[in-house]
Amino acid sequence: MGWVSKSHPFLFLIYLYIEHKQKIMKPEYKIRAQENLEAITKRATMISEMLEGKRPANPAEAIKLSKEIERLVELTTNIVDLS
Protein backbone atom coordinates (compact mmCIF):
# COMPACT_ATOMS: atom_id res chain seq x y z
CA MET A 1 0.00 0.00 0.00
CA GLY A 2 3.06 2.27 0.10
CA TRP A 3 2.71 3.45 -3.48
CA VAL A 4 -0.94 4.35 -2.89
CA SER A 5 -0.20 6.71 0.01
CA LYS A 6 2.17 8.69 -2.24
CA SER A 7 -0.24 8.92 -5.17
CA HIS A 8 -3.27 10.97 -6.06
CA PRO A 9 -6.39 10.99 -3.81
CA PHE A 10 -8.75 9.42 -6.35
CA LEU A 11 -6.39 6.44 -6.63
CA PHE A 12 -6.78 5.87 -2.91
CA LEU A 13 -10.55 5.58 -3.33
CA ILE A 14 -10.13 3.11 -6.19
CA TYR A 15 -7.64 1.18 -4.06
CA LEU A 16 -10.08 0.97 -1.14
CA TYR A 17 -12.84 -0.28 -3.43
CA ILE A 18 -10.58 -2.95 -4.87
CA GLU A 19 -9.34 -3.96 -1.41
CA HIS A 20 -12.98 -4.52 -0.42
CA LYS A 21 -13.62 -6.61 -3.55
CA GLN A 22 -10.37 -8.60 -3.21
CA LYS A 23 -11.89 -10.85 -0.62
CA ILE A 24 -13.88 -12.47 -3.42
CA MET A 25 -11.64 -11.58 -6.37
CA LYS A 26 -9.82 -14.23 -8.35
CA PRO A 27 -6.04 -13.84 -8.00
CA GLU A 28 -5.54 -13.08 -11.70
CA TYR A 29 -8.12 -10.26 -11.54
CA LYS A 30 -6.49 -8.88 -8.41
CA ILE A 31 -3.05 -8.81 -10.06
CA ARG A 32 -4.37 -7.15 -13.21
CA ALA A 33 -6.25 -4.50 -11.21
CA GLN A 34 -3.11 -3.72 -9.19
CA GLU A 35 -1.07 -3.44 -12.41
CA ASN A 36 -3.65 -1.01 -13.81
CA LEU A 37 -3.50 1.12 -10.65
CA GLU A 38 0.29 1.28 -10.89
CA ALA A 39 0.03 2.32 -14.55
CA ILE A 40 -2.51 5.02 -13.63
CA THR A 41 -0.17 6.32 -10.92
CA LYS A 42 2.74 6.44 -13.35
CA ARG A 43 0.78 8.41 -15.94
CA ALA A 44 -0.72 10.79 -13.37
CA THR A 45 2.76 11.46 -12.00
CA MET A 46 4.05 12.26 -15.48
CA ILE A 47 1.24 14.79 -16.00
CA SER A 48 1.92 16.33 -12.58
CA GLU A 49 5.59 16.67 -13.43
CA MET A 50 4.66 18.45 -16.66
CA LEU A 51 2.45 20.87 -14.74
CA GLU A 52 5.15 21.50 -12.13
CA GLY A 53 7.83 22.14 -14.76
CA LYS A 54 9.91 19.08 -13.79
CA ARG A 55 9.30 17.57 -17.22
CA PRO A 56 8.96 19.36 -20.56
CA ALA A 57 5.31 20.32 -21.02
CA ASN A 58 3.85 18.73 -24.10
CA PRO A 59 0.08 19.21 -24.51
CA ALA A 60 -0.24 16.33 -26.97
CA GLU A 61 1.54 13.96 -24.58
CA ALA A 62 -0.58 15.15 -21.63
CA ILE A 63 -3.78 14.52 -23.61
CA LYS A 64 -2.52 11.06 -24.59
CA LEU A 65 -1.66 10.23 -20.97
CA SER A 66 -5.04 11.45 -19.68
CA LYS A 67 -6.85 9.28 -22.26
CA GLU A 68 -4.73 6.31 -21.17
CA ILE A 69 -5.71 7.00 -17.56
CA GLU A 70 -9.39 7.08 -18.52
CA ARG A 71 -9.03 3.76 -20.34
CA LEU A 72 -7.16 2.15 -17.44
CA VAL A 73 -9.85 3.29 -14.99
CA GLU A 74 -12.48 1.79 -17.28
CA LEU A 75 -10.58 -1.52 -17.53
CA THR A 76 -10.06 -1.63 -13.77
CA THR A 77 -13.75 -0.94 -13.16
CA ASN A 78 -14.64 -3.79 -15.51
CA ILE A 79 -12.26 -6.16 -13.71
CA VAL A 80 -13.73 -5.28 -10.32
CA ASP A 81 -17.29 -5.61 -11.64
CA LEU A 82 -16.49 -9.08 -13.01
CA SER A 83 -15.39 -10.23 -9.59
C-alpha atoms as a PDB file:
ATOM      1  CA  MET A   1       0.000   0.000   0.000  1.00  0.00           C
ATOM      2  CA  GLY A   2       3.058   2.266   0.103  1.00  0.00           C
ATOM      3  CA  TRP A   3       2.711   3.445  -3.481  1.00  0.00           C
ATOM      4  CA  VAL A   4      -0.940   4.355  -2.888  1.00  0.00           C
ATOM      5  CA  SER A   5      -0.202   6.706   0.005  1.00  0.00           C
ATOM      6  CA  LYS A   6       2.170   8.689  -2.235  1.00  0.00           C
ATOM      7  CA  SER A   7      -0.235   8.918  -5.173  1.00  0.00           C
ATOM      8  CA  HIS A   8      -3.268  10.968  -6.058  1.00  0.00           C
ATOM      9  CA  PRO A   9      -6.386  10.992  -3.812  1.00  0.00           C
ATOM     10  CA  PHE A  10      -8.755   9.424  -6.348  1.00  0.00           C
ATOM     11  CA  LEU A  11      -6.391   6.442  -6.633  1.00  0.00           C
ATOM     12  CA  PHE A  12      -6.780   5.873  -2.908  1.00  0.00           C
ATOM     13  CA  LEU A  13     -10.553   5.580  -3.329  1.00  0.00           C
ATOM     14  CA  ILE A  14     -10.126   3.112  -6.188  1.00  0.00           C
ATOM     15  CA  TYR A  15      -7.636   1.175  -4.057  1.00  0.00           C
ATOM     16  CA  LEU A  16     -10.076   0.975  -1.135  1.00  0.00           C
ATOM     17  CA  TYR A  17     -12.839  -0.280  -3.429  1.00  0.00           C
ATOM     18  CA  ILE A  18     -10.577  -2.951  -4.874  1.00  0.00           C
ATOM     19  CA  GLU A  19      -9.340  -3.956  -1.408  1.00  0.00           C
ATOM     20  CA  HIS A  20     -12.976  -4.519  -0.422  1.00  0.00           C
ATOM     21  CA  LYS A  21     -13.616  -6.607  -3.545  1.00  0.00           C
ATOM     22  CA  GLN A  22     -10.366  -8.597  -3.212  1.00  0.00           C
ATOM     23  CA  LYS A  23     -11.886 -10.848  -0.618  1.00  0.00           C
ATOM     24  CA  ILE A  24     -13.883 -12.473  -3.421  1.00  0.00           C
ATOM     25  CA  MET A  25     -11.636 -11.575  -6.373  1.00  0.00           C
ATOM     26  CA  LYS A  26      -9.823 -14.225  -8.348  1.00  0.00           C
ATOM     27  CA  PRO A  27      -6.044 -13.842  -8.004  1.00  0.00           C
ATOM     28  CA  GLU A  28      -5.540 -13.083 -11.703  1.00  0.00           C
ATOM     29  CA  TYR A  29      -8.119 -10.264 -11.541  1.00  0.00           C
ATOM     30  CA  LYS A  30      -6.491  -8.882  -8.406  1.00  0.00           C
ATOM     31  CA  ILE A  31      -3.050  -8.809 -10.061  1.00  0.00           C
ATOM     32  CA  ARG A  32      -4.374  -7.150 -13.213  1.00  0.00           C
ATOM     33  CA  ALA A  33      -6.251  -4.499 -11.210  1.00  0.00           C
ATOM     34  CA  GLN A  34      -3.109  -3.721  -9.192  1.00  0.00           C
ATOM     35  CA  GLU A  35      -1.073  -3.438 -12.406  1.00  0.00           C
ATOM     36  CA  ASN A  36      -3.645  -1.011 -13.810  1.00  0.00           C
ATOM     37  CA  LEU A  37      -3.498   1.117 -10.651  1.00  0.00           C
ATOM     38  CA  GLU A  38       0.295   1.277 -10.888  1.00  0.00           C
ATOM     39  CA  ALA A  39       0.028   2.325 -14.555  1.00  0.00           C
ATOM     40  CA  ILE A  40      -2.511   5.022 -13.628  1.00  0.00           C
ATOM     41  CA  THR A  41      -0.171   6.317 -10.918  1.00  0.00           C
ATOM     42  CA  LYS A  42       2.741   6.441 -13.349  1.00  0.00           C
ATOM     43  CA  ARG A  43       0.783   8.414 -15.943  1.00  0.00           C
ATOM     44  CA  ALA A  44      -0.719  10.791 -13.369  1.00  0.00           C
ATOM     45  CA  THR A  45       2.764  11.456 -12.000  1.00  0.00           C
ATOM     46  CA  MET A  46       4.047  12.259 -15.485  1.00  0.00           C
ATOM     47  CA  ILE A  47       1.238  14.787 -16.005  1.00  0.00           C
ATOM     48  CA  SER A  48       1.917  16.325 -12.579  1.00  0.00           C
ATOM     49  CA  GLU A  49       5.594  16.672 -13.433  1.00  0.00           C
ATOM     50  CA  MET A  50       4.662  18.453 -16.657  1.00  0.00           C
ATOM     51  CA  LEU A  51       2.454  20.873 -14.737  1.00  0.00           C
ATOM     52  CA  GLU A  52       5.150  21.498 -12.125  1.00  0.00           C
ATOM     53  CA  GLY A  53       7.834  22.135 -14.756  1.00  0.00           C
ATOM     54  CA  LYS A  54       9.909  19.083 -13.795  1.00  0.00           C
ATOM     55  CA  ARG A  55       9.296  17.571 -17.222  1.00  0.00           C
ATOM     56  CA  PRO A  56       8.955  19.359 -20.558  1.00  0.00           C
ATOM     57  CA  ALA A  57       5.306  20.323 -21.018  1.00  0.00           C
ATOM     58  CA  ASN A  58       3.853  18.725 -24.101  1.00  0.00           C
ATOM     59  CA  PRO A  59       0.082  19.207 -24.506  1.00  0.00           C
ATOM     60  CA  ALA A  60      -0.237  16.328 -26.968  1.00  0.00           C
ATOM     61  CA  GLU A  61       1.543  13.964 -24.581  1.00  0.00           C
ATOM     62  CA  ALA A  62      -0.580  15.150 -21.632  1.00  0.00           C
ATOM     63  CA  ILE A  63      -3.775  14.521 -23.611  1.00  0.00           C
ATOM     64  CA  LYS A  64      -2.520  11.063 -24.594  1.00  0.00           C
ATOM     65  CA  LEU A  65      -1.663  10.232 -20.973  1.00  0.00           C
ATOM     66  CA  SER A  66      -5.039  11.445 -19.683  1.00  0.00           C
ATOM     67  CA  LYS A  67      -6.846   9.282 -22.259  1.00  0.00           C
ATOM     68  CA  GLU A  68      -4.727   6.310 -21.174  1.00  0.00           C
ATOM     69  CA  ILE A  69      -5.705   6.998 -17.557  1.00  0.00           C
ATOM     70  CA  GLU A  70      -9.389   7.076 -18.520  1.00  0.00           C
ATOM     71  CA  ARG A  71      -9.032   3.761 -20.339  1.00  0.00           C
ATOM     72  CA  LEU A  72      -7.160   2.145 -17.436  1.00  0.00           C
ATOM     73  CA  VAL A  73      -9.853   3.294 -14.990  1.00  0.00           C
ATOM     74  CA  GLU A  74     -12.484   1.785 -17.285  1.00  0.00           C
ATOM     75  CA  LEU A  75     -10.581  -1.515 -17.526  1.00  0.00           C
ATOM     76  CA  THR A  76     -10.065  -1.627 -13.770  1.00  0.00           C
ATOM     77  CA  THR A  77     -13.752  -0.941 -13.164  1.00  0.00           C
ATOM     78  CA  ASN A  78     -14.639  -3.790 -15.513  1.00  0.00           C
ATOM     79  CA  ILE A  79     -12.257  -6.158 -13.712  1.00  0.00           C
ATOM     80  CA  VAL A  80     -13.728  -5.275 -10.320  1.00  0.00           C
ATOM     81  CA  ASP A  81     -17.285  -5.607 -11.645  1.00  0.00           C
ATOM     82  CA  LEU A  82     -16.490  -9.080 -13.010  1.00  0.00           C
ATOM     83  CA  SER A  83     -15.385 -10.233  -9.587  1.00  0.00           C
END
